Every structure is written in structure tokens, then in C-alpha cells.
């Protein structure tokens, strides 16, 4: 029986404040609340800044989360075969270089797959298409070294390196940007949201307590019910005054706590540090891609110049 009575008391103690807050909230929504405690202007400003920060995180994460999807730049209409995705371009080039006959070269292009399928990125797809094209030309070429086939093979190797650089960029962004911004979104901003909810609950409790005192609600002894205006402290019992003061103290304490939490969220340098890491990862990728293509371009230019010279010579001798 004692346990049952204790449970009933605990339920009542928890339910009554909740019911009071809910009733006050509904009266406010229906426009029936006479007074509503205003939040400090500085607090309201902090709320706006936190809301803006949350919106920024949602917007940025909705886009940058694509870095977790390997195939975000892979052509949707591309259909590559199992053999296409079997081995890396570099592996196939190595096998082709050791082939002594067209049959061995063909076997190199269809060699058993390695441990896992090759990445589905645009650069990797471009590399595979270039190598396959080089192989087709080499098979039909009457000369030992077809310049276009040679250039396509070199381009295939370079494109694969660019693709690997992109995957390295994506891994860095996931670890150094997405993880940090997701933590801010799911942890820090959630802390702020809970603190703000506590402030709202404390305000509702305070206004509900004031409303009961003003209208002579149960538990308060007033000389008479009051229709409007501020509470006349002369008509409020000590019990009512004590409850109002306790509610005010709770409201102030929760507000101060929320201010501290929101300032901490807004002042932390982590989001900017994470953004710097995002930029650094992108810079490293583009620099690596530039270096790879800058090394390739003179080779292809040389092949093109030699082919043009040979073409002109052939035309002049005709």
C-alpha cells in the first residue's frame, strides 16, 4: 500500500506541472492567455542565431553528404560489364605489356577479377573506356605503335589516378568535415534545443502559476477572482507568492543555463575548422589532378606532333 501511495504521489507531482503547462500552452494558442512572460531580448537574439546555424548545417550536409556516395559523379546511363569492373586499369596495362599475341592481349582484358569490383566514379569509368578503346585500336592497327592507341592508354592510366585522388578526397571529407558537422548537428544543436525547451517549459509553468493566482485557482486563497491586469500582491496568499517566486527562480535558472549552452554552440570554432578541412581536401584533390594531367599533356602533345609530322610527310611524298 505504501508503494502504491508513493507511486500515486509521484505521478501526481509529475502530472500536475505537465497539465498546467499544457493548459497554459493551449490558452496561448487560442488567444485566451492574458499575460505572457517575455524572454530577454539577448536570449531571443541567441535563439535566432542558433536557428540560423542549424539551417546552415542542414543545408550544407544535404549537399556534402554526397561525398559518402562513391558513384555521385558516375554517369547514370552507363552500363559497364563485369569484365570492365574486374581489374584496375593499371593491372590490365601490366598484363597487356606482357602479352605476346592478340589472344594473350584479349585474355588480359578479360582476366579474372581482383578482390573487389573497381570504383564507380566518372574518372574510373573514363579510364576503363579509354583503355578499352586503346585495345580496340591496337588490335586492328597495322603498325606496332598506333599513336592514338598509345595516347588513350596513357590517358586511361592518368584518369585512374585522378579517380583514386577523388576517392582519397572523399575519405578525407567524410572524416574531417562530415563527421564534425554531423556531431554539431546531432549533439551540440540538440543540447541547445533541449535547453531551449526547458526554458519554454519553465515559462509556461510560471505563467500558469500566475494565471492561477490571478483567477483564484485551486490551492491559492485570494480575496476574490481578478479579471485582468497585473496581480495585486495584497490579494495573494503566502503560498501563492512562494509558488510564483519559485517558478520565477526556475525560469531565470533555465534561461541562464540555455544562454550558456547556446553561446557555447555559437562560439565553438569546430564548424569553421571542419570547413577548412573540407577546402583542404578539395584543394589536395584538384592539385593532384592538375599534377597528373600536367604530366600527361606533354606526352600526348608529343605523340600528336609526331603524328602530324608523319602525316604531312606522307602527303608531300604522295
C-alpha atoms as a PDB file:
ATOM      1  CA  UNK A   1       0.000   0.000   0.000  1.00  0.00           C
ATOM      2  CA  UNK A   2       2.822   2.393   0.858  1.00  0.00           C
ATOM      3  CA  UNK A   3       4.449   1.754  -2.509  1.00  0.00           C
ATOM      4  CA  UNK A   4       1.151   2.366  -4.271  1.00  0.00           C
ATOM      5  CA  UNK A   5       0.620   5.633  -2.407  1.00  0.00           C
ATOM      6  CA  UNK A   6       4.183   6.715  -3.195  1.00  0.00           C
ATOM      7  CA  UNK A   7       3.632   5.929  -6.871  1.00  0.00           C
ATOM      8  CA  UNK A   8       0.381   7.887  -6.865  1.00  0.00           C
ATOM      9  CA  UNK A   9       2.044  10.890  -5.250  1.00  0.00           C
ATOM     10  CA  UNK A  10       4.961  10.786  -7.711  1.00  0.00           C
ATOM     11  CA  UNK A  11       2.564  10.523 -10.657  1.00  0.00           C
ATOM     12  CA  UNK A  12       0.540  13.457  -9.347  1.00  0.00           C
ATOM     13  CA  UNK A  13       3.650  15.559  -8.756  1.00  0.00           C
ATOM     14  CA  UNK A  14       4.804  14.950 -12.329  1.00  0.00           C
ATOM     15  CA  UNK A  15       1.401  15.155 -13.972  1.00  0.00           C
ATOM     16  CA  UNK A  16       0.174  18.379 -12.397  1.00  0.00           C
ATOM     17  CA  UNK A  17       3.058  20.558 -13.734  1.00  0.00           C
ATOM     18  CA  UNK A  18       2.694  18.945 -17.162  1.00  0.00           C
ATOM     19  CA  UNK A  19      -1.066  19.558 -17.156  1.00  0.00           C
ATOM     20  CA  UNK A  20      -0.535  23.162 -16.061  1.00  0.00           C
ATOM     21  CA  UNK A  21       1.998  23.797 -18.849  1.00  0.00           C
ATOM     22  CA  UNK A  22      -0.244  22.135 -21.417  1.00  0.00           C
ATOM     23  CA  UNK A  23      -3.242  24.177 -20.326  1.00  0.00           C
ATOM     24  CA  UNK A  24      -1.235  27.397 -20.483  1.00  0.00           C
ATOM     25  CA  UNK A  25       0.114  26.498 -23.950  1.00  0.00           C
ATOM     26  CA  UNK A  26      -3.405  25.822 -25.259  1.00  0.00           C
ATOM     27  CA  UNK A  27      -4.723  29.091 -23.833  1.00  0.00           C
ATOM     28  CA  UNK A  28      -1.905  30.959 -25.552  1.00  0.00           C
ATOM     29  CA  UNK A  29      -2.582  29.234 -28.859  1.00  0.00           C
ATOM     30  CA  UNK A  30      -6.273  30.098 -28.597  1.00  0.00           C
ATOM     31  CA  UNK A  31      -5.526  33.693 -27.637  1.00  0.00           C
ATOM     32  CA  UNK A  32      -7.093  33.281 -24.205  1.00  0.00           C
ATOM     33  CA  UNK A  33      -3.972  33.979 -22.144  1.00  0.00           C
ATOM     34  CA  UNK A  34      -3.974  37.457 -20.678  1.00  0.00           C
ATOM     35  CA  UNK A  35      -0.258  37.706 -19.927  1.00  0.00           C
ATOM     36  CA  UNK A  36       2.802  36.006 -21.346  1.00  0.00           C
ATOM     37  CA  UNK A  37       6.231  36.370 -19.805  1.00  0.00           C
ATOM     38  CA  UNK A  38       8.586  37.827 -22.394  1.00  0.00           C
ATOM     39  CA  UNK A  39      12.015  36.341 -22.953  1.00  0.00           C
ATOM     40  CA  UNK A  40      15.008  38.685 -22.659  1.00  0.00           C
ATOM     41  CA  UNK A  41      15.953  40.331 -25.997  1.00  0.00           C
ATOM     42  CA  UNK A  42      19.506  38.950 -25.781  1.00  0.00           C
ATOM     43  CA  UNK A  43      18.086  35.463 -25.318  1.00  0.00           C
ATOM     44  CA  UNK A  44      15.785  35.841 -28.337  1.00  0.00           C
ATOM     45  CA  UNK A  45      18.752  37.009 -30.406  1.00  0.00           C
ATOM     46  CA  UNK A  46      20.723  33.922 -29.388  1.00  0.00           C
ATOM     47  CA  UNK A  47      17.797  31.721 -30.426  1.00  0.00           C
ATOM     48  CA  UNK A  48      17.750  33.324 -33.872  1.00  0.00           C
ATOM     49  CA  UNK A  49      21.486  32.778 -34.296  1.00  0.00           C
ATOM     50  CA  UNK A  50      21.211  29.137 -33.216  1.00  0.00           C
ATOM     51  CA  UNK A  51      18.327  28.604 -35.657  1.00  0.00           C
ATOM     52  CA  UNK A  52      20.454  30.117 -38.430  1.00  0.00           C
ATOM     53  CA  UNK A  53      23.364  27.840 -37.530  1.00  0.00           C
ATOM     54  CA  UNK A  54      21.090  24.813 -37.616  1.00  0.00           C
ATOM     55  CA  UNK A  55      19.744  25.833 -41.030  1.00  0.00           C
ATOM     56  CA  UNK A  56      23.308  26.215 -42.336  1.00  0.00           C
ATOM     57  CA  UNK A  57      24.252  22.744 -41.115  1.00  0.00           C
ATOM     58  CA  UNK A  58      21.136  21.192 -42.640  1.00  0.00           C
ATOM     59  CA  UNK A  59      21.742  22.880 -45.997  1.00  0.00           C
ATOM     60  CA  UNK A  60      25.443  22.059 -46.193  1.00  0.00           C
ATOM     61  CA  UNK A  61      25.030  18.468 -45.025  1.00  0.00           C
ATOM     62  CA  UNK A  62      22.232  17.867 -47.540  1.00  0.00           C
ATOM     63  CA  UNK A  63      24.766  18.579 -50.309  1.00  0.00           C
ATOM     64  CA  UNK A  64      28.105  17.418 -48.894  1.00  0.00           C
ATOM     65  CA  UNK A  65      26.636  14.088 -47.764  1.00  0.00           C
ATOM     66  CA  UNK A  66      27.082  13.105 -51.426  1.00  0.00           C
ATOM     67  CA  UNK A  67      30.737  12.551 -50.587  1.00  0.00           C
ATOM     68  CA  UNK A  68      29.643   9.335 -48.868  1.00  0.00           C
ATOM     69  CA  UNK A  69      28.249   8.069 -52.183  1.00  0.00           C
ATOM     70  CA  UNK A  70      31.103   6.725 -54.299  1.00  0.00           C
ATOM     71  CA  UNK A  71      29.112   6.984 -57.537  1.00  0.00           C
ATOM     72  CA  UNK A  72      27.949  10.589 -57.146  1.00  0.00           C
ATOM     73  CA  UNK A  73      29.567  11.554 -60.483  1.00  0.00           C
ATOM     74  CA  UNK A  74      29.138   8.204 -62.206  1.00  0.00           C
ATOM     75  CA  UNK A  75      27.038   8.509 -65.400  1.00  0.00           C
ATOM     76  CA  UNK A  76      23.592   7.071 -64.695  1.00  0.00           C
ATOM     77  CA  UNK A  77      23.149   5.849 -68.266  1.00  0.00           C
ATOM     78  CA  UNK A  78      26.480   3.997 -68.350  1.00  0.00           C
ATOM     79  CA  UNK A  79      26.365   0.223 -68.480  1.00  0.00           C
ATOM     80  CA  UNK A  80      29.694  -1.439 -67.752  1.00  0.00           C
ATOM     81  CA  UNK A  81      30.201  -5.180 -67.911  1.00  0.00           C
ATOM     82  CA  UNK A  82      31.537  -7.499 -65.230  1.00  0.00           C
ATOM     83  CA  UNK A  83      34.851  -7.660 -67.071  1.00  0.00           C
ATOM     84  CA  UNK A  84      35.024  -3.873 -67.250  1.00  0.00           C
ATOM     85  CA  UNK A  85      34.867  -3.717 -63.460  1.00  0.00           C
ATOM     86  CA  UNK A  86      37.026  -6.774 -62.858  1.00  0.00           C
ATOM     87  CA  UNK A  87      40.554  -5.369 -62.661  1.00  0.00           C
ATOM     88  CA  UNK A  88      42.136  -1.964 -62.376  1.00  0.00           C
ATOM     89  CA  UNK A  89      43.365  -0.189 -65.478  1.00  0.00           C
ATOM     90  CA  UNK A  90      46.927  -0.404 -64.165  1.00  0.00           C
ATOM     91  CA  UNK A  91      46.640  -4.169 -63.736  1.00  0.00           C
ATOM     92  CA  UNK A  92      45.285  -4.598 -67.252  1.00  0.00           C
ATOM     93  CA  UNK A  93      48.047  -2.407 -68.714  1.00  0.00           C
ATOM     94  CA  UNK A  94      50.652  -4.569 -66.971  1.00  0.00           C
ATOM     95  CA  UNK A  95      49.047  -7.733 -68.353  1.00  0.00           C
ATOM     96  CA  UNK A  96      48.832  -6.200 -71.839  1.00  0.00           C
ATOM     97  CA  UNK A  97      52.508  -5.243 -71.811  1.00  0.00           C
ATOM     98  CA  UNK A  98      53.489  -8.871 -71.265  1.00  0.00           C
ATOM     99  CA  UNK A  99      51.143 -10.266 -73.924  1.00  0.00           C
ATOM    100  CA  UNK A 100      52.921 -11.866 -76.894  1.00  0.00           C
ATOM    101  CA  UNK A 101      49.908 -12.401 -79.124  1.00  0.00           C
ATOM    102  CA  UNK A 102      46.466 -10.963 -79.838  1.00  0.00           C
ATOM    103  CA  UNK A 103      44.941 -13.879 -77.941  1.00  0.00           C
ATOM    104  CA  UNK A 104      47.005 -13.103 -74.850  1.00  0.00           C
ATOM    105  CA  UNK A 105      46.093  -9.428 -75.146  1.00  0.00           C
ATOM    106  CA  UNK A 106      42.411 -10.318 -75.322  1.00  0.00           C
ATOM    107  CA  UNK A 107      42.836 -12.569 -72.283  1.00  0.00           C
ATOM    108  CA  UNK A 108      44.465  -9.705 -70.385  1.00  0.00           C
ATOM    109  CA  UNK A 109      41.382  -7.544 -70.940  1.00  0.00           C
ATOM    110  CA  UNK A 110      39.115 -10.274 -69.563  1.00  0.00           C
ATOM    111  CA  UNK A 111      41.354 -11.524 -66.746  1.00  0.00           C
ATOM    112  CA  UNK A 112      39.619 -12.845 -63.606  1.00  0.00           C
ATOM    113  CA  UNK A 113      38.504 -10.038 -61.303  1.00  0.00           C
ATOM    114  CA  UNK A 114      40.515  -8.926 -58.301  1.00  0.00           C
ATOM    115  CA  UNK A 115      39.237  -8.929 -54.735  1.00  0.00           C
ATOM    116  CA  UNK A 116      36.552  -6.269 -55.218  1.00  0.00           C
ATOM    117  CA  UNK A 117      34.817  -4.505 -58.120  1.00  0.00           C
ATOM    118  CA  UNK A 118      36.503  -1.354 -59.366  1.00  0.00           C
ATOM    119  CA  UNK A 119      35.157   2.012 -58.208  1.00  0.00           C
ATOM    120  CA  UNK A 120      32.230   3.567 -59.994  1.00  0.00           C
ATOM    121  CA  UNK A 121      33.450   7.137 -60.393  1.00  0.00           C
ATOM    122  CA  UNK A 122      33.441   9.181 -63.565  1.00  0.00           C
ATOM    123  CA  UNK A 123      37.245   9.224 -63.746  1.00  0.00           C
ATOM    124  CA  UNK A 124      37.468   5.456 -63.300  1.00  0.00           C
ATOM    125  CA  UNK A 125      34.798   4.936 -65.960  1.00  0.00           C
ATOM    126  CA  UNK A 126      36.709   7.263 -68.278  1.00  0.00           C
ATOM    127  CA  UNK A 127      39.872   5.291 -67.612  1.00  0.00           C
ATOM    128  CA  UNK A 128      38.193   1.992 -68.425  1.00  0.00           C
ATOM    129  CA  UNK A 129      36.624   3.379 -71.605  1.00  0.00           C
ATOM    130  CA  UNK A 130      39.980   4.798 -72.710  1.00  0.00           C
ATOM    131  CA  UNK A 131      41.833   1.537 -72.138  1.00  0.00           C
ATOM    132  CA  UNK A 132      39.160  -0.489 -73.956  1.00  0.00           C
ATOM    133  CA  UNK A 133      39.344   1.963 -76.857  1.00  0.00           C
ATOM    134  CA  UNK A 134      43.128   1.714 -76.921  1.00  0.00           C
ATOM    135  CA  UNK A 135      42.883  -2.077 -77.023  1.00  0.00           C
ATOM    136  CA  UNK A 136      40.385  -1.993 -79.906  1.00  0.00           C
ATOM    137  CA  UNK A 137      42.677   0.247 -81.947  1.00  0.00           C
ATOM    138  CA  UNK A 138      45.763  -1.789 -81.127  1.00  0.00           C
ATOM    139  CA  UNK A 139      44.055  -4.986 -82.284  1.00  0.00           C
ATOM    140  CA  UNK A 140      43.272  -3.505 -85.683  1.00  0.00           C
ATOM    141  CA  UNK A 141      46.435  -1.454 -86.163  1.00  0.00           C
ATOM    142  CA  UNK A 142      48.907  -2.464 -88.852  1.00  0.00           C
ATOM    143  CA  UNK A 143      51.808  -0.788 -87.055  1.00  0.00           C
ATOM    144  CA  UNK A 144      53.396  -1.763 -83.781  1.00  0.00           C
ATOM    145  CA  UNK A 145      52.588   1.555 -82.114  1.00  0.00           C
ATOM    146  CA  UNK A 146      49.369   3.306 -83.034  1.00  0.00           C
ATOM    147  CA  UNK A 147      49.753   6.871 -81.684  1.00  0.00           C
ATOM    148  CA  UNK A 148      46.094   7.251 -80.746  1.00  0.00           C
ATOM    149  CA  UNK A 149      46.068   3.851 -79.051  1.00  0.00           C
ATOM    150  CA  UNK A 150      49.211   4.793 -77.130  1.00  0.00           C
ATOM    151  CA  UNK A 151      47.747   8.149 -76.086  1.00  0.00           C
ATOM    152  CA  UNK A 152      44.482   6.558 -74.967  1.00  0.00           C
ATOM    153  CA  UNK A 153      46.368   4.040 -72.834  1.00  0.00           C
ATOM    154  CA  UNK A 154      48.351   6.820 -71.151  1.00  0.00           C
ATOM    155  CA  UNK A 155      45.146   8.794 -70.637  1.00  0.00           C
ATOM    156  CA  UNK A 156      43.492   5.722 -69.100  1.00  0.00           C
ATOM    157  CA  UNK A 157      46.298   5.369 -66.542  1.00  0.00           C
ATOM    158  CA  UNK A 158      46.125   9.079 -65.705  1.00  0.00           C
ATOM    159  CA  UNK A 159      42.328   9.050 -65.372  1.00  0.00           C
ATOM    160  CA  UNK A 160      42.505   6.145 -62.959  1.00  0.00           C
ATOM    161  CA  UNK A 161      44.991   8.088 -60.830  1.00  0.00           C
ATOM    162  CA  UNK A 162      42.640  11.079 -60.851  1.00  0.00           C
ATOM    163  CA  UNK A 163      39.814   8.779 -59.762  1.00  0.00           C
ATOM    164  CA  UNK A 164      41.904   7.446 -56.873  1.00  0.00           C
ATOM    165  CA  UNK A 165      42.693  11.017 -55.858  1.00  0.00           C
ATOM    166  CA  UNK A 166      38.971  11.764 -55.815  1.00  0.00           C
ATOM    167  CA  UNK A 167      38.313   8.786 -53.564  1.00  0.00           C
ATOM    168  CA  UNK A 168      41.054   9.978 -51.209  1.00  0.00           C
ATOM    169  CA  UNK A 169      39.392  13.403 -51.165  1.00  0.00           C
ATOM    170  CA  UNK A 170      36.034  11.843 -50.316  1.00  0.00           C
ATOM    171  CA  UNK A 171      37.513   9.825 -47.437  1.00  0.00           C
ATOM    172  CA  UNK A 172      39.182  12.934 -46.027  1.00  0.00           C
ATOM    173  CA  UNK A 173      35.955  14.939 -46.263  1.00  0.00           C
ATOM    174  CA  UNK A 174      33.976  12.209 -44.549  1.00  0.00           C
ATOM    175  CA  UNK A 175      36.443  12.035 -41.672  1.00  0.00           C
ATOM    176  CA  UNK A 176      37.326  15.705 -41.277  1.00  0.00           C
ATOM    177  CA  UNK A 177      34.195  17.575 -42.329  1.00  0.00           C
ATOM    178  CA  UNK A 178      31.075  15.428 -42.377  1.00  0.00           C
ATOM    179  CA  UNK A 179      31.832  13.755 -39.045  1.00  0.00           C
ATOM    180  CA  UNK A 180      32.350  17.114 -37.340  1.00  0.00           C
ATOM    181  CA  UNK A 181      29.315  18.854 -38.815  1.00  0.00           C
ATOM    182  CA  UNK A 182      27.128  15.838 -38.108  1.00  0.00           C
ATOM    183  CA  UNK A 183      28.273  15.894 -34.479  1.00  0.00           C
ATOM    184  CA  UNK A 184      27.413  19.588 -34.210  1.00  0.00           C
ATOM    185  CA  UNK A 185      24.027  18.916 -35.805  1.00  0.00           C
ATOM    186  CA  UNK A 186      23.132  15.826 -33.784  1.00  0.00           C
ATOM    187  CA  UNK A 187      24.780  16.680 -30.473  1.00  0.00           C
ATOM    188  CA  UNK A 188      25.587  20.344 -29.855  1.00  0.00           C
ATOM    189  CA  UNK A 189      22.495  21.752 -31.532  1.00  0.00           C
ATOM    190  CA  UNK A 190      20.376  19.099 -29.816  1.00  0.00           C
ATOM    191  CA  UNK A 191      21.762  20.222 -26.452  1.00  0.00           C
ATOM    192  CA  UNK A 192      20.717  23.759 -27.336  1.00  0.00           C
ATOM    193  CA  UNK A 193      17.255  22.568 -28.391  1.00  0.00           C
ATOM    194  CA  UNK A 194      16.747  20.731 -25.090  1.00  0.00           C
ATOM    195  CA  UNK A 195      17.921  23.762 -23.118  1.00  0.00           C
ATOM    196  CA  UNK A 196      15.502  25.987 -25.027  1.00  0.00           C
ATOM    197  CA  UNK A 197      12.687  23.513 -24.416  1.00  0.00           C
ATOM    198  CA  UNK A 198      13.435  23.645 -20.695  1.00  0.00           C
ATOM    199  CA  UNK A 199      13.163  27.447 -20.829  1.00  0.00           C
ATOM    200  CA  UNK A 200       9.825  27.229 -22.626  1.00  0.00           C
ATOM    201  CA  UNK A 201       8.511  24.734 -20.058  1.00  0.00           C
ATOM    202  CA  UNK A 202       9.686  26.969 -17.204  1.00  0.00           C
ATOM    203  CA  UNK A 203       7.988  29.975 -18.796  1.00  0.00           C
ATOM    204  CA  UNK A 204       4.730  28.092 -19.281  1.00  0.00           C
ATOM    205  CA  UNK A 205       4.846  26.903 -15.673  1.00  0.00           C
ATOM    206  CA  UNK A 206       5.478  30.440 -14.467  1.00  0.00           C
ATOM    207  CA  UNK A 207       2.622  31.911 -16.489  1.00  0.00           C
ATOM    208  CA  UNK A 208       0.293  29.081 -15.470  1.00  0.00           C
ATOM    209  CA  UNK A 209       1.137  29.727 -11.824  1.00  0.00           C
ATOM    210  CA  UNK A 210       0.499  33.465 -12.244  1.00  0.00           C
ATOM    211  CA  UNK A 211      -2.802  32.761 -14.010  1.00  0.00           C
ATOM    212  CA  UNK A 212      -3.971  30.522 -11.196  1.00  0.00           C
ATOM    213  CA  UNK A 213      -3.070  33.165  -8.664  1.00  0.00           C
ATOM    214  CA  UNK A 214      -4.833  35.882 -10.652  1.00  0.00           C
ATOM    215  CA  UNK A 215      -8.010  33.839 -11.057  1.00  0.00           C
ATOM    216  CA  UNK A 216      -8.089  32.340  -7.595  1.00  0.00           C
ATOM    217  CA  UNK A 217      -7.342  28.817  -8.728  1.00  0.00           C
ATOM    218  CA  UNK A 218      -7.303  25.722  -6.564  1.00  0.00           C
ATOM    219  CA  UNK A 219      -4.699  25.780  -3.865  1.00  0.00           C
ATOM    220  CA  UNK A 220      -4.479  29.584  -3.718  1.00  0.00           C
ATOM    221  CA  UNK A 221      -6.515  31.705  -1.326  1.00  0.00           C
ATOM    222  CA  UNK A 222      -7.433  35.072  -2.827  1.00  0.00           C
ATOM    223  CA  UNK A 223      -9.851  37.614  -1.567  1.00  0.00           C
ATOM    224  CA  UNK A 224     -11.614  37.458  -4.955  1.00  0.00           C
ATOM    225  CA  UNK A 225     -11.019  36.453  -8.564  1.00  0.00           C
ATOM    226  CA  UNK A 226      -9.339  39.090 -10.692  1.00  0.00           C
ATOM    227  CA  UNK A 227     -10.466  39.690 -14.259  1.00  0.00           C
ATOM    228  CA  UNK A 228      -7.429  41.306 -15.804  1.00  0.00           C
ATOM    229  CA  UNK A 229      -4.300  43.305 -15.251  1.00  0.00           C
ATOM    230  CA  UNK A 230      -1.345  42.657 -13.028  1.00  0.00           C
ATOM    231  CA  UNK A 231      -1.587  40.546  -9.926  1.00  0.00           C
ATOM    232  CA  UNK A 232      -2.331  42.554  -6.809  1.00  0.00           C
ATOM    233  CA  UNK A 233       0.189  41.153  -4.371  1.00  0.00           C
ATOM    234  CA  UNK A 234      -2.065  42.199  -1.471  1.00  0.00           C
ATOM    235  CA  UNK A 235      -4.625  39.631  -2.585  1.00  0.00           C
ATOM    236  CA  UNK A 236      -2.147  36.751  -2.914  1.00  0.00           C
ATOM    237  CA  UNK A 237      -1.584  34.294  -0.134  1.00  0.00           C
ATOM    238  CA  UNK A 238       1.907  33.479   1.060  1.00  0.00           C
ATOM    239  CA  UNK A 239       1.535  30.043  -0.523  1.00  0.00           C
ATOM    240  CA  UNK A 240       0.730  31.556  -3.920  1.00  0.00           C
ATOM    241  CA  UNK A 241       3.516  34.113  -3.650  1.00  0.00           C
ATOM    242  CA  UNK A 242       6.013  31.377  -2.751  1.00  0.00           C
ATOM    243  CA  UNK A 243       4.974  29.282  -5.755  1.00  0.00           C
ATOM    244  CA  UNK A 244       5.277  32.251  -8.115  1.00  0.00           C
ATOM    245  CA  UNK A 245       8.709  33.121  -6.772  1.00  0.00           C
ATOM    246  CA  UNK A 246       9.825  29.500  -7.125  1.00  0.00           C
ATOM    247  CA  UNK A 247       8.553  29.427 -10.713  1.00  0.00           C
ATOM    248  CA  UNK A 248      10.342  32.704 -11.452  1.00  0.00           C
ATOM    249  CA  UNK A 249      13.593  31.370  -9.993  1.00  0.00           C
ATOM    250  CA  UNK A 250      13.268  28.226 -12.122  1.00  0.00           C
ATOM    251  CA  UNK A 251      12.589  30.303 -15.231  1.00  0.00           C
ATOM    252  CA  UNK A 252      15.636  32.503 -14.599  1.00  0.00           C
ATOM    253  CA  UNK A 253      17.850  29.483 -13.888  1.00  0.00           C
ATOM    254  CA  UNK A 254      16.758  27.668 -17.052  1.00  0.00           C
ATOM    255  CA  UNK A 255      17.212  30.823 -19.105  1.00  0.00           C
ATOM    256  CA  UNK A 256      20.737  31.337 -17.814  1.00  0.00           C
ATOM    257  CA  UNK A 257      21.548  27.689 -18.477  1.00  0.00           C
ATOM    258  CA  UNK A 258      20.226  27.916 -22.046  1.00  0.00           C
ATOM    259  CA  UNK A 259      22.174  31.117 -22.679  1.00  0.00           C
ATOM    260  CA  UNK A 260      25.378  29.341 -21.699  1.00  0.00           C
ATOM    261  CA  UNK A 261      24.603  26.325 -23.885  1.00  0.00           C
ATOM    262  CA  UNK A 262      23.687  28.440 -26.925  1.00  0.00           C
ATOM    263  CA  UNK A 263      26.761  30.645 -26.574  1.00  0.00           C
ATOM    264  CA  UNK A 264      28.937  27.538 -26.414  1.00  0.00           C
ATOM    265  CA  UNK A 265      27.364  26.192 -29.610  1.00  0.00           C
ATOM    266  CA  UNK A 266      27.767  29.506 -31.408  1.00  0.00           C
ATOM    267  CA  UNK A 267      31.303  30.219 -30.222  1.00  0.00           C
ATOM    268  CA  UNK A 268      32.898  26.830 -30.845  1.00  0.00           C
ATOM    269  CA  UNK A 269      35.497  27.007 -33.650  1.00  0.00           C
ATOM    270  CA  UNK A 270      34.830  23.419 -34.721  1.00  0.00           C
ATOM    271  CA  UNK A 271      32.483  24.126 -37.695  1.00  0.00           C
ATOM    272  CA  UNK A 272      34.938  26.599 -39.223  1.00  0.00           C
ATOM    273  CA  UNK A 273      37.821  24.216 -38.606  1.00  0.00           C
ATOM    274  CA  UNK A 274      35.853  21.460 -40.334  1.00  0.00           C
ATOM    275  CA  UNK A 275      35.124  23.749 -43.285  1.00  0.00           C
ATOM    276  CA  UNK A 276      38.840  24.485 -43.600  1.00  0.00           C
ATOM    277  CA  UNK A 277      39.429  20.717 -43.737  1.00  0.00           C
ATOM    278  CA  UNK A 278      36.823  20.388 -46.498  1.00  0.00           C
ATOM    279  CA  UNK A 279      38.571  23.033 -48.557  1.00  0.00           C
ATOM    280  CA  UNK A 280      41.973  21.470 -47.892  1.00  0.00           C
ATOM    281  CA  UNK A 281      40.742  18.072 -49.099  1.00  0.00           C
ATOM    282  CA  UNK A 282      39.278  19.599 -52.262  1.00  0.00           C
ATOM    283  CA  UNK A 283      42.455  21.582 -52.870  1.00  0.00           C
ATOM    284  CA  UNK A 284      44.617  18.486 -52.496  1.00  0.00           C
ATOM    285  CA  UNK A 285      42.413  16.588 -54.949  1.00  0.00           C
ATOM    286  CA  UNK A 286      42.452  19.311 -57.596  1.00  0.00           C
ATOM    287  CA  UNK A 287      46.184  19.829 -57.145  1.00  0.00           C
ATOM    288  CA  UNK A 288      46.787  16.103 -57.538  1.00  0.00           C
ATOM    289  CA  UNK A 289      44.533  16.013 -60.629  1.00  0.00           C
ATOM    290  CA  UNK A 290      46.391  19.001 -62.067  1.00  0.00           C
ATOM    291  CA  UNK A 291      49.777  17.369 -61.496  1.00  0.00           C
ATOM    292  CA  UNK A 292      48.659  14.109 -63.124  1.00  0.00           C
ATOM    293  CA  UNK A 293      47.240  15.807 -66.213  1.00  0.00           C
ATOM    294  CA  UNK A 294      50.152  18.258 -66.427  1.00  0.00           C
ATOM    295  CA  UNK A 295      52.500  15.273 -66.624  1.00  0.00           C
ATOM    296  CA  UNK A 296      50.336  13.562 -69.228  1.00  0.00           C
ATOM    297  CA  UNK A 297      49.695  16.529 -71.533  1.00  0.00           C
ATOM    298  CA  UNK A 298      53.260  16.887 -72.922  1.00  0.00           C
ATOM    299  CA  UNK A 299      53.368  13.167 -73.738  1.00  0.00           C
ATOM    300  CA  UNK A 300      50.146  13.342 -75.721  1.00  0.00           C
ATOM    301  CA  UNK A 301      51.260  16.610 -77.355  1.00  0.00           C
ATOM    302  CA  UNK A 302      54.468  14.886 -78.460  1.00  0.00           C
ATOM    303  CA  UNK A 303      52.546  11.962 -79.925  1.00  0.00           C
ATOM    304  CA  UNK A 304      50.225  14.380 -81.706  1.00  0.00           C
ATOM    305  CA  UNK A 305      53.136  16.420 -83.105  1.00  0.00           C
ATOM    306  CA  UNK A 306      54.891  13.309 -84.345  1.00  0.00           C
ATOM    307  CA  UNK A 307      51.724  12.046 -85.991  1.00  0.00           C
ATOM    308  CA  UNK A 308      51.124  15.402 -87.713  1.00  0.00           C
ATOM    309  CA  UNK A 309      54.705  15.485 -88.971  1.00  0.00           C
ATOM    310  CA  UNK A 310      54.343  11.959 -90.316  1.00  0.00           C
ATOM    311  CA  UNK A 311      51.029  12.872 -91.907  1.00  0.00           C
ATOM    312  CA  UNK A 312      52.447  15.944 -93.630  1.00  0.00           C
ATOM    313  CA  UNK A 313      55.452  13.978 -94.809  1.00  0.00           C
ATOM    314  CA  UNK A 314      53.176  11.355 -96.292  1.00  0.00           C
ATOM    315  CA  UNK A 315      51.095  13.988 -98.052  1.00  0.00           C
ATOM    316  CA  UNK A 316      54.169  15.654 -99.519  1.00  0.00           C
ATOM    317  CA  UNK A 317      55.506  12.368-100.832  1.00  0.00           C
ATOM    318  CA  UNK A 318      52.230  11.421-102.456  1.00  0.00           C
END
